[in-house]
Protein backbone atom coordinates (compact mmCIF):
# COMPACT_ATOMS: atom_id res chain seq x y z
CA MET A 1 -0.17 -0.11 -0.07
CA ARG A 2 1.38 3.40 -0.85
CA LEU A 3 0.88 5.78 2.15
CA THR A 4 0.79 9.25 0.51
CA LEU A 5 -1.39 11.03 2.86
CA ALA A 6 -0.81 12.16 6.27
CA LEU A 7 -4.54 11.26 7.16
CA LEU A 8 -3.75 7.58 6.75
CA LEU A 9 -1.04 7.59 9.38
CA THR A 10 -2.57 9.96 12.16
CA VAL A 11 -4.43 9.28 15.32
CA THR A 12 -6.16 12.33 16.34
CA VAL A 13 -8.26 11.19 19.48
CA SER A 14 -6.52 9.72 22.67
CA PRO A 15 -3.86 7.85 20.79
CA ALA A 16 -2.41 6.34 23.96
CA ALA A 17 -5.74 5.27 25.20
CA LEU A 18 -6.60 3.85 21.75
CA ALA A 19 -3.36 1.87 21.85
CA GLN A 20 -3.81 0.48 25.29
CA GLU A 21 -7.34 -0.37 24.29
CA GLY A 22 -6.29 -2.36 21.13
CA ALA A 23 -3.39 -4.04 23.03
CA ALA A 24 -5.89 -5.47 25.46
CA ALA A 25 -8.11 -6.57 22.67
CA ILE A 26 -5.42 -8.52 21.11
CA ALA A 27 -4.49 -10.17 24.27
CA GLU A 28 -7.98 -11.19 25.07
CA ALA A 29 -8.47 -12.42 21.58
CA GLU A 30 -5.32 -14.75 21.77
CA ARG A 31 -6.44 -15.91 25.00
CA LEU A 32 -9.97 -16.97 23.75
CA ALA A 33 -8.17 -18.70 20.69
CA GLY A 34 -5.91 -20.52 22.83
CA GLU A 35 -8.72 -21.69 25.07
CA ALA A 36 -10.62 -22.62 22.00
CA MET A 37 -8.19 -24.89 20.71
CA VAL A 38 -7.93 -26.93 24.07
CA GLN A 39 -11.73 -27.02 24.00
CA ALA A 40 -12.08 -28.33 20.54
CA ALA A 41 -11.57 -31.87 21.32
CA ARG A 42 -14.51 -31.83 23.98
CA ASP A 43 -16.93 -29.36 22.67
CA PRO A 44 -16.15 -28.53 19.19
CA ALA A 45 -19.22 -26.30 18.51
CA ALA A 46 -18.49 -24.19 21.63
CA ALA A 47 -14.88 -23.88 20.64
CA LEU A 48 -15.75 -22.84 17.21
CA GLY A 49 -17.82 -20.12 18.56
CA GLN A 50 -15.17 -18.82 20.89
CA ALA A 51 -12.77 -19.00 17.96
CA ARG A 52 -14.91 -16.66 15.87
CA ARG A 53 -15.41 -14.49 18.76
CA ALA A 54 -11.65 -13.96 19.20
CA LEU A 55 -11.29 -13.39 15.12
CA ALA A 56 -14.14 -10.54 15.61
CA LEU A 57 -12.53 -8.99 18.57
CA THR A 58 -9.55 -7.54 16.51
CA ASN A 59 -11.06 -7.15 13.11
CA GLU A 60 -9.93 -3.45 13.19
CA PHE A 61 -6.03 -2.64 12.81
CA ASN A 62 -4.60 -0.02 14.92
CA PRO A 63 -1.16 0.53 14.09
CA THR A 64 -0.32 2.26 17.31
CA VAL A 65 -0.74 -0.98 19.30
CA PHE A 66 2.45 -2.26 17.44
CA VAL A 67 4.91 0.62 16.96
CA GLU A 68 5.60 4.03 18.75
CA MET A 69 3.87 7.12 17.62
CA GLY A 70 5.54 10.54 16.70
CA ARG A 71 4.81 13.71 18.70
CA LYS A 72 2.03 14.51 16.85
CA GLY A 73 0.28 10.89 17.28
CA GLU A 74 1.51 9.88 13.86
CA VAL A 75 3.26 6.74 12.53
CA VAL A 76 5.53 6.94 9.65
CA GLU A 77 5.37 4.95 6.68
CA ASP A 78 7.92 2.32 7.54
CA GLU A 79 6.81 2.05 10.87
CA PHE A 80 3.28 1.42 9.58
CA GLN A 81 4.47 -1.43 7.43
CA VAL A 82 6.10 -2.91 10.64
CA ALA A 83 2.96 -2.70 12.51
CA ARG A 84 0.83 -3.97 9.73
CA ALA A 85 3.24 -7.18 9.65
CA ALA A 86 2.89 -7.66 13.29
CA TYR A 87 -0.90 -7.19 13.04
CA GLY A 88 -0.67 -10.04 10.30
CA GLU A 89 1.08 -12.21 12.57
CA HIS A 90 -1.61 -11.88 15.30
CA ARG A 91 -4.46 -12.13 12.92
CA ALA A 92 -2.80 -15.16 11.34
CA ARG A 93 -3.04 -17.09 14.64
CA LEU A 94 -6.81 -16.35 15.10
CA TYR A 95 -7.69 -17.37 11.45
CA GLU A 96 -5.53 -20.63 11.99
CA VAL A 97 -7.61 -21.70 15.12
CA VAL A 98 -10.89 -21.17 13.30
CA GLY A 99 -9.59 -23.24 10.36
CA ALA A 100 -8.31 -25.95 12.40
CA ILE A 101 -11.53 -26.40 14.37
CA LEU A 102 -13.56 -26.28 11.26
CA VAL A 103 -11.19 -28.87 9.67
CA GLY A 104 -11.66 -30.92 12.67
CA GLN A 105 -15.34 -30.92 12.55
CA GLY A 106 -15.11 -32.32 8.83
CA GLN A 107 -15.88 -28.96 7.16
CA GLY A 108 -12.71 -29.22 5.05
CA LEU A 109 -13.57 -26.44 2.62
CA PRO A 110 -14.50 -23.83 4.99
CA GLY A 111 -11.36 -24.56 7.05
CA SER A 112 -9.10 -24.43 4.23
CA ARG A 113 -10.16 -20.96 3.55
CA TYR A 114 -9.27 -19.71 7.03
CA LEU A 115 -5.98 -21.67 7.01
CA ARG A 116 -5.28 -20.04 3.62
CA ARG A 117 -5.75 -16.64 5.07
CA ALA A 118 -3.26 -17.61 8.24
CA PHE A 119 -0.58 -18.76 5.67
CA LEU A 120 -0.89 -15.67 3.55
CA LEU A 121 -0.54 -13.46 6.64
CA ASP A 122 2.41 -15.48 8.19
CA PRO A 123 3.66 -18.42 6.08
CA THR A 124 5.40 -20.67 8.57
CA PRO A 125 6.13 -24.32 7.64
CA ALA A 126 3.55 -25.68 10.11
CA ARG A 127 0.71 -23.38 8.54
CA GLY A 128 1.84 -24.62 5.19
CA VAL A 129 1.49 -28.30 6.11
CA ALA A 130 -1.92 -27.63 7.91
CA LEU A 131 -3.16 -25.93 4.75
CA ALA A 132 -1.86 -28.78 2.44
CA ARG A 133 -3.59 -31.34 4.62
CA ALA A 134 -6.92 -29.47 4.33
CA GLU A 135 -6.63 -28.95 0.53
CA THR A 136 -5.61 -32.77 -0.24
CA PRO A 137 -9.12 -34.24 0.68
CA LEU A 138 -10.68 -31.75 -1.73
CA GLY A 139 -8.79 -33.00 -4.54
CA ARG A 140 -6.57 -29.88 -4.61
CA GLY A 141 -3.28 -31.84 -4.86
CA ARG A 142 -1.30 -29.35 -6.96
CA GLU A 143 -2.49 -26.62 -4.74
CA ALA A 144 -1.38 -28.54 -1.78
CA LEU A 145 2.08 -29.04 -3.07
CA ASP A 146 2.28 -25.43 -4.08
CA VAL A 147 1.83 -24.43 -0.73
CA ILE A 148 4.12 -26.87 1.01
CA GLN A 149 6.92 -25.90 -1.51
CA LYS A 150 6.38 -22.46 -0.58
CA ALA A 151 6.44 -23.21 3.32
CA ILE A 152 9.61 -25.38 3.15
CA ALA A 153 11.52 -23.14 0.80
CA GLY A 154 15.17 -23.10 1.92
CA VAL A 155 14.64 -26.11 4.25
CA THR A 156 17.20 -28.76 4.01
CA SER A 157 15.65 -31.42 6.24
CA LEU A 158 12.04 -32.38 6.45
CA SER A 159 10.18 -33.78 9.16
CA PRO A 160 8.35 -37.03 8.79
CA GLU A 161 5.15 -35.08 8.86
CA VAL A 162 5.92 -32.86 6.22
CA ALA A 163 7.21 -35.65 3.90
CA ALA A 164 3.90 -37.53 4.60
CA ALA A 165 1.87 -34.38 3.69
CA ILE A 166 3.91 -34.15 0.33
CA ALA A 167 3.23 -37.84 -0.24
CA GLN A 168 -0.53 -37.40 0.13
CA ALA A 169 -0.59 -34.27 -1.98
CA ALA A 170 1.47 -36.03 -4.77
CA ASP A 171 -1.22 -38.91 -4.71
CA ALA A 172 -3.98 -36.37 -4.76
CA ALA A 173 -2.40 -34.64 -7.89
CA ARG A 174 -1.78 -38.22 -9.24
CA LEU A 175 2.13 -37.50 -9.97
CA PRO A 176 4.58 -40.30 -10.40
CA SER A 177 6.94 -39.26 -7.57
CA ALA A 178 6.49 -37.61 -4.29
CA GLN A 179 10.30 -37.54 -3.87
CA ALA A 180 10.69 -35.99 -7.17
CA GLU A 181 8.46 -33.06 -6.05
CA ILE A 182 10.60 -32.50 -3.02
CA ASP A 183 13.68 -32.47 -5.26
CA ARG A 184 12.05 -29.89 -7.53
CA GLY A 185 11.20 -27.50 -4.75
CA ARG A 186 14.43 -27.92 -2.90
CA LEU A 187 16.39 -27.11 -6.21
CA GLN A 188 14.30 -24.32 -7.35
CA ALA A 189 14.60 -22.69 -3.73
CA THR A 190 18.41 -23.18 -3.50
CA LEU A 191 19.57 -22.77 -7.02
CA LYS A 192 16.96 -20.76 -8.89
CA ASP A 193 18.09 -20.08 -12.44
CA ALA A 194 21.39 -22.12 -12.05
CA VAL A 195 19.43 -25.16 -12.71
CA THR A 196 16.92 -26.62 -15.49
CA LEU A 197 14.54 -29.06 -14.22
CA ARG A 198 13.09 -31.62 -16.20
CA ASP A 199 10.30 -34.14 -15.63
CA GLY A 200 10.75 -37.81 -15.68
CA PRO A 201 10.93 -40.52 -16.72
CA VAL A 202 14.24 -40.05 -18.36
CA THR A 203 14.47 -42.76 -21.14
CA LEU A 204 17.23 -43.71 -23.61
CA PRO A 205 16.71 -45.25 -26.93
CA PRO A 206 17.26 -48.80 -27.55
CA GLY A 207 21.00 -49.71 -28.11
CA THR A 208 22.32 -47.45 -25.46
CA ARG A 209 25.44 -48.86 -24.09
CA LEU A 210 28.69 -48.13 -21.88
CA SER A 211 32.17 -48.19 -23.41
CA THR A 212 32.90 -51.01 -20.62
CA ARG A 213 29.96 -53.27 -21.42
CA PRO A 214 27.13 -53.64 -23.71
CA SER A 215 24.10 -52.46 -21.72
CA PHE A 216 23.20 -49.53 -19.57
CA ARG A 217 20.21 -48.93 -17.23
CA ILE A 218 19.41 -45.79 -15.47
CA GLU A 219 18.02 -47.67 -12.44
CA GLU A 220 21.46 -49.36 -11.78
CA ALA A 221 22.74 -46.47 -9.81
CA PRO A 222 20.79 -44.05 -7.45
CA LEU A 223 22.23 -41.04 -8.99
CA ASN A 224 23.81 -40.61 -12.49
CA LEU A 225 25.61 -37.54 -13.84
CA ILE A 226 26.09 -37.54 -17.62
CA TYR A 227 28.43 -34.94 -18.98
CA ALA A 228 27.95 -33.60 -22.33
CA ALA A 229 31.38 -33.01 -24.15
CA GLU A 230 31.85 -30.52 -26.95
CA GLU A 231 32.87 -32.06 -30.31
CA SER A 232 36.42 -30.65 -30.28
CA CYS A 233 36.74 -31.55 -26.57
CA ARG A 234 38.91 -28.51 -26.11
CA SER A 235 37.26 -28.00 -22.63
CA CYS A 236 36.97 -31.68 -21.77
CA SER A 237 40.20 -31.77 -19.34
CA ALA A 238 38.96 -28.69 -17.42
CA ASP A 239 35.40 -29.82 -16.94
CA LEU A 240 36.40 -33.35 -15.94
CA SER A 241 38.95 -32.13 -13.61
CA ALA A 242 35.98 -29.88 -11.98
CA LEU A 243 33.90 -32.83 -11.79
CA GLN A 244 36.26 -34.92 -10.20
CA ARG A 245 36.39 -32.16 -7.37
CA VAL A 246 32.78 -31.41 -6.78
CA VAL A 247 31.18 -34.97 -7.60
CA PRO A 248 30.81 -37.07 -4.27
CA GLU A 249 30.99 -40.84 -3.82
CA GLY A 250 27.88 -42.82 -4.76
CA VAL A 251 27.27 -40.76 -7.75
CA ARG A 252 27.90 -42.69 -11.35
CA VAL A 253 29.79 -40.30 -13.88
CA LEU A 254 29.15 -40.94 -17.48
CA ALA A 255 30.82 -39.02 -20.41
CA LEU A 256 28.76 -38.52 -23.43
CA PRO A 257 30.42 -37.70 -26.88
CA ALA A 258 29.07 -34.83 -28.94
CA ASN A 259 27.90 -37.40 -31.65
CA ASP A 260 28.64 -40.83 -32.76
CA GLU A 261 32.08 -40.20 -34.35
CA ALA A 262 33.38 -37.85 -31.52
CA ASP A 263 34.38 -40.43 -29.12
CA VAL A 264 38.15 -40.50 -29.78
CA ALA A 265 39.22 -37.10 -28.29
CA LEU A 266 37.05 -37.88 -25.12
CA ARG A 267 38.47 -41.29 -24.76
CA GLN A 268 42.00 -39.78 -24.84
CA VAL A 269 41.13 -37.31 -22.11
CA LEU A 270 39.69 -39.82 -19.86
CA ASP A 271 43.00 -42.21 -20.33
CA ILE A 272 45.52 -39.39 -20.04
CA TYR A 273 44.12 -38.15 -16.62
CA ASP A 274 43.06 -41.68 -15.55
CA TYR A 275 39.54 -40.66 -15.02
CA PRO A 276 37.58 -44.00 -14.26
CA TRP A 277 34.32 -42.89 -16.12
CA PRO A 278 32.83 -44.81 -18.90
CA LEU A 279 31.65 -43.25 -22.03
CA LEU A 280 27.58 -43.40 -22.76
CA LEU A 281 27.14 -44.42 -26.21
CA GLY A 282 24.30 -44.88 -28.45
CA PRO A 283 22.73 -43.95 -31.72
CA ASN A 284 21.99 -39.90 -31.80
CA LEU A 285 22.25 -39.88 -28.08
CA ALA A 286 23.21 -36.48 -27.64
CA THR A 287 20.45 -35.26 -29.81
CA GLU A 288 18.01 -37.54 -27.85
CA LEU A 289 18.95 -36.03 -24.52
CA ALA A 290 19.01 -32.36 -25.89
CA LEU A 291 22.22 -31.42 -23.86
CA GLU A 292 24.06 -28.43 -24.72
CA PRO A 293 27.87 -29.07 -24.93
CA ARG A 294 29.71 -28.87 -21.55
CA SER A 295 26.40 -29.13 -19.73
CA VAL A 296 25.41 -32.04 -17.30
CA LEU A 297 22.42 -34.05 -16.82
CA VAL A 298 21.80 -35.50 -13.37
CA VAL A 299 19.20 -38.21 -13.07
CA ALA A 300 17.87 -39.37 -9.84
CA ARG A 301 15.09 -41.52 -8.54
CA GLU A 302 15.41 -44.20 -11.33
CA GLY A 303 14.83 -41.66 -13.76
CA TRP A 304 11.86 -39.80 -12.11
CA SER A 305 14.05 -36.63 -11.22
CA ALA A 306 16.32 -34.80 -13.51
CA ALA A 307 18.10 -31.52 -13.65
CA VAL A 308 20.39 -29.76 -15.89
CA PHE A 309 23.37 -27.75 -14.87
CA ALA A 310 25.26 -25.43 -17.52
CA PRO A 311 29.01 -24.68 -17.08
CA PRO A 312 31.00 -23.75 -15.04
CA LEU A 313 30.53 -26.98 -13.22
CA GLY A 314 31.17 -25.66 -9.58
CA PRO A 315 29.23 -24.95 -6.44
CA ALA A 316 25.81 -24.98 -8.12
CA LEU A 317 26.42 -28.55 -9.37
CA ALA A 318 27.59 -29.68 -5.80
CA LYS A 319 24.76 -28.19 -4.00
CA GLY A 320 22.34 -29.80 -6.66
CA LEU A 321 23.94 -33.28 -6.13
CA ALA A 322 23.74 -32.93 -2.19
CA ALA A 323 20.00 -32.19 -2.59
CA LEU A 324 19.47 -35.04 -4.90
CA GLN A 325 21.19 -37.57 -2.66
CA ARG A 326 18.76 -36.84 0.18
CA GLU A 327 15.94 -39.15 0.75
CA ASP A 328 12.83 -37.92 2.41
CA VAL A 329 9.94 -40.32 1.20
CA ARG A 330 10.47 -44.16 0.85
CA GLU A 331 8.37 -44.91 -2.24
CA THR A 332 8.14 -47.35 -4.97
CA VAL A 333 8.06 -45.21 -8.45
CA PRO A 334 6.08 -44.58 -10.19
CA ARG A 335 3.64 -44.15 -7.25
CA ALA A 336 0.30 -46.38 -7.64
CA ARG A 337 -1.99 -43.42 -8.02
CA TRP A 338 -0.08 -41.95 -10.88
CA ASN A 339 -2.31 -40.89 -13.73
CA ARG A 340 0.23 -42.17 -16.46
CA ARG A 341 0.32 -38.43 -17.63
CA PRO A 342 3.04 -35.96 -17.65
CA PRO A 343 2.91 -33.69 -14.52
CA ASP A 344 0.90 -30.41 -15.28
CA ARG A 345 3.48 -27.65 -14.58
CA ARG A 346 1.12 -24.85 -15.65
CA PRO A 347 1.15 -22.05 -12.95
CA LEU A 348 -1.81 -22.30 -10.92
CA ALA A 349 -4.69 -19.76 -11.42
CA PRO A 350 -4.27 -16.76 -9.08
CA PRO A 351 -7.27 -16.09 -6.80
CA PRO A 352 -9.88 -13.88 -8.18
CA ALA A 353 -8.86 -10.16 -8.48
CA LEU A 354 -10.95 -6.97 -7.37
CA LEU A 355 -13.97 -6.57 -9.56
CA GLU A 356 -13.69 -3.41 -11.77
CA ASP A 357 -15.73 -1.31 -9.64
CA GLY A 358 -13.43 -2.22 -6.68
CA LEU A 359 -15.57 -4.84 -4.87
CA ALA A 360 -13.77 -7.80 -3.32
CA PRO A 361 -14.67 -11.39 -4.04
CA GLY A 362 -13.73 -14.42 -2.28
CA GLU A 363 -10.96 -16.65 -3.30
CA ASP A 364 -12.96 -19.59 -4.85
CA GLU A 365 -14.75 -19.77 -8.08
CA PRO A 366 -17.50 -19.82 -9.31
CA PHE A 367 -19.03 -17.17 -7.10
CA PRO A 368 -22.02 -17.85 -5.06
CA PRO A 369 -25.16 -16.55 -6.38
CA GLU A 370 -25.75 -14.36 -3.36
CA PHE A 371 -22.37 -12.43 -4.21
CA GLY A 372 -23.68 -12.02 -7.65
CA ALA A 373 -26.99 -10.57 -6.43
CA ALA A 374 -25.08 -8.17 -4.05
CA VAL A 375 -22.95 -7.19 -6.91
CA GLU A 376 -25.86 -6.54 -9.28
CA ALA A 377 -27.50 -4.46 -6.47
CA TYR A 378 -24.57 -2.24 -6.03
CA ARG A 379 -24.33 -1.78 -9.70
CA ALA A 380 -27.93 -0.73 -9.81
CA GLY A 381 -27.43 1.90 -7.00
CA ARG A 382 -29.20 -0.15 -4.33
CA TYR A 383 -26.34 0.15 -1.76
CA ARG A 384 -27.99 -0.55 1.23
CA GLU A 385 -29.45 -3.85 -0.30
CA ALA A 386 -25.78 -4.64 -1.36
CA GLN A 387 -24.29 -3.94 1.94
CA GLN A 388 -26.99 -6.35 3.61
CA GLY A 389 -25.94 -9.12 0.88
CA PHE A 390 -22.18 -8.63 1.54
CA ASP A 391 -22.80 -8.85 5.31
CA ALA A 392 -24.83 -11.92 4.80
CA LEU A 393 -22.05 -13.71 2.81
CA GLU A 394 -19.71 -12.75 5.80
CA ALA A 395 -21.98 -13.87 8.64
CA ARG A 396 -22.24 -17.60 6.96
CA GLY A 397 -19.00 -18.12 8.28
CA ASP A 398 -17.98 -20.48 5.45
CA GLY A 399 -14.94 -18.42 4.83
CA TRP A 400 -15.93 -17.66 1.23
CA LEU A 401 -15.98 -13.81 2.12
CA LEU A 402 -13.61 -13.35 5.02
CA PRO A 403 -13.90 -10.39 7.27
CA PRO A 404 -11.41 -8.09 5.74
CA GLU A 405 -12.84 -8.46 2.33
CA ALA A 406 -16.34 -7.94 3.53
CA ARG A 407 -15.00 -4.79 5.15
CA LEU A 408 -13.87 -3.25 1.81
CA ASN A 409 -17.27 -3.99 0.19
CA ARG A 410 -19.08 -2.63 3.21
CA ALA A 411 -17.01 0.65 2.81
CA LEU A 412 -17.94 0.97 -0.85
CA CYS A 413 -21.62 0.50 -0.04
CA LEU A 414 -21.51 3.15 2.85
CA ALA A 415 -19.91 5.48 0.41
CA GLY A 416 -22.63 4.92 -1.97
CA GLN A 417 -24.88 5.86 0.69
CA GLY A 418 -23.09 9.06 1.35
CA GLN A 419 -21.34 7.86 4.63
CA HIS A 420 -17.78 8.78 3.36
CA ARG A 421 -16.09 9.27 6.74
CA GLU A 422 -17.31 5.89 7.98
CA ALA A 423 -16.27 4.30 4.81
CA ARG A 424 -12.79 5.79 5.08
CA ARG A 425 -12.46 4.73 8.72
CA ILE A 426 -13.17 1.19 7.92
CA LEU A 427 -10.62 1.02 5.06
CA LEU A 428 -7.84 2.70 7.33
CA ARG A 429 -8.49 0.12 10.03
CA THR A 430 -8.32 -2.86 7.64
CA GLY A 431 -4.79 -4.75 7.66
CA ASP A 432 -5.28 -8.25 6.87
CA SER A 433 -7.01 -8.21 3.45
CA ARG A 434 -5.38 -10.10 0.36
CA PHE A 435 -6.06 -6.61 -1.14
CA GLU A 436 -4.12 -4.42 1.04
CA GLU A 437 -2.13 -2.90 -1.74
CA ALA A 438 -5.42 -1.74 -3.28
CA ILE A 439 -6.64 0.09 -0.12
CA ASP A 440 -5.25 3.52 -1.59
CA VAL A 441 -7.38 3.16 -4.70
CA THR A 442 -10.32 2.23 -2.77
CA LEU A 443 -9.89 5.35 -0.52
CA GLU A 444 -10.20 7.27 -3.53
CA ARG A 445 -13.40 5.40 -4.52
CA VAL A 446 -15.02 6.31 -1.15
CA ALA A 447 -13.66 9.83 -1.00
CA PRO A 448 -16.47 12.48 -0.85
CA PRO A 449 -17.45 14.28 -4.09
CA THR A 450 -15.43 17.64 -4.46
CA ARG A 451 -17.26 21.00 -5.26
């Protein structure tokens, strides 16, 4: 959110008293939420009611609770962002409790919506796993994997709980390997553009063999490294020396000539420097594998996990090999629920954006008819009717229209009724919406007309 007006950051009435009152509300809300989680096992209905009360208690964001004010009761922009982040962490705990209780009651879809907001506000690994577990039974395997990958980005060692959640999500998405999905996330998080990922299975044409024996199978080694030599082999000695430095034990190294007639120079380099690595030979093999000269293809998990590294062959390759040597999930590949299709790697569709008139929808499509009716009423100028429709959607408690989005819509409806001051107050005290960056624009929409 671009804070361009001092009005957005100014507290004009008893700032110290407002801060004290807000701090008390936050403490009480977190107390109620904690008690609700304890109560959920013995009285889930009462626990859910208490968790909802806790969430409602701090609907309004007061930045002065989280940061110190200036002499004139103002909060500067940087401190405002700090305050909003702290408020988001607090609200995440409350959304998490409501979502967990709903999921525990068998209300997976509503629960996932609250858990999704908790993860958006404060994306901890535990919240990512909880959200993934709620998404998986709904048939949202790809979404579950996506959220776990975000939650564990940069984490080198996975707990059994996380690994099990990934395996369940992989089965829901009908993928061939859960470990391959972990590999992808780990390599993307640590190496980014230094690695190019490929989906398995990696297959080689009939007649592929080694220079040391007449057959070759990827599955014979847990980790295969295929070095693609250039035709002249001018860089072979330097590249192979680099490989000798970075490749750990347990990795099978294979040297691939540029074409069927270019193996002589590569054999000479291997012999001169006494490298114990065989040549990988086969008809049009370099073309089949689509490897650029001097690049390396690393194949793991019996061909179901693969990554390409471009020169120079140094630290990035070493990190990639270390990542691919980890085993987080014990599985037989391909997994039994694989749909026998290549994994769908298209980006997931983003949640619906603000409507053209600034109204905030929920995150799931299709929109419920009640939302369409409220939007129609708003566009027809029946603002009170529209407000009642949006408020009813929020009151259903199924998480389709969460409190902050309902607040944005309420502000627009109030502005339509001429209550511009109240509309602006609502917006200025909203801090946990997925549309926070659009609040400046919404403030302009609810501004009173100028003469």
